[in-house]
Amino acid sequence: MKNTRHELKLTGERTLPGHKEENYWFTRHVAAYRYAASLSENLSVADIGCGEGYGTAMVAAMAKEVTGVDAAPEVMEHAVIKYERDNLCYRVMDAAALDFPSRRFNMVVSLQVIEHLATADGFLEEIKRVLLPGGTAIISTPNRLKISPGSDTPLNPFHLREFTPEELRGLLLDHFKTVKIAGLFHAGWLRVNDFLKFVDFIKYYEMGKLNLRYWTHQFLTPLVHERNFRIGEKNVDRCQDIIAICEKS
């Protein structure tokens, strides 16, 4: 990993490493990438909508080769400079028009991307196209029941459409042979926080300094660790992020 002069700004559109106030969201993403990496050993992998590039580099530690793809040129410039491995590259590309030959990859990873798209069908067909027969797509997205509770409209202004586990399963079955739904759940003290609510990770960015939870967030968020998340297949309606494991016929 190298230092880069092209540092990215934290805007809320994508999470970034190195920001203590963002540590909860960053670590939540890292936990999902760790799971994807565990399934990628010796495979050829594409990471679609890879953002800053940290997760692509994690997968590259396990995979045979990895290509990270994002539509933002400045983000890919940053990633190319910061993360360097012989089996890793980054390319600027539209997720709905991938510049790859058909049947190119054993696995496609796309984490926290589909909620940013107005329509997902073209995106999913492109993922399917570039997968080898029998290949795997790992797609994650926030659980609408948790990220925007009680609302059909996403609370995050960068999200265009959010899904429940069953909504995502139904959409993916239109494109893939099989779809297994798992979830990323809170564990440890984050599970306790689900009940006591001494930190509100969603509403923090709207809070002023007179709000007590502003200060509990400041104190506790840097303490979030990967062990405070777990992947499971039961009670997925209660998960924070939906993780779909899809197989191409």
Foldseek 3Di string as FASTA:
>chain_A
DDDDPLDDDDDLLDQDPDDLLRLVVVLLVLLVLLVVLVVAAQWEEEEEQCFQQPSQLSSVVGYVAYEYEHQDPSSQVNNQRHDDDPRYHYDHDDLLDDPDAFQATLEYEYEADQQQDLDCPSNLQVRLRNHHAFGKYKYKHFACCPQPNPDQQGPRPSGNHHHHQVRVLVVVVVRFDDKAKKAKAFADVVVVCVPVVLEDSNCLVVDDPVDNNVVVSVVCSSVDHNVRIDMGRPPRSRGGMMIMMGTHD
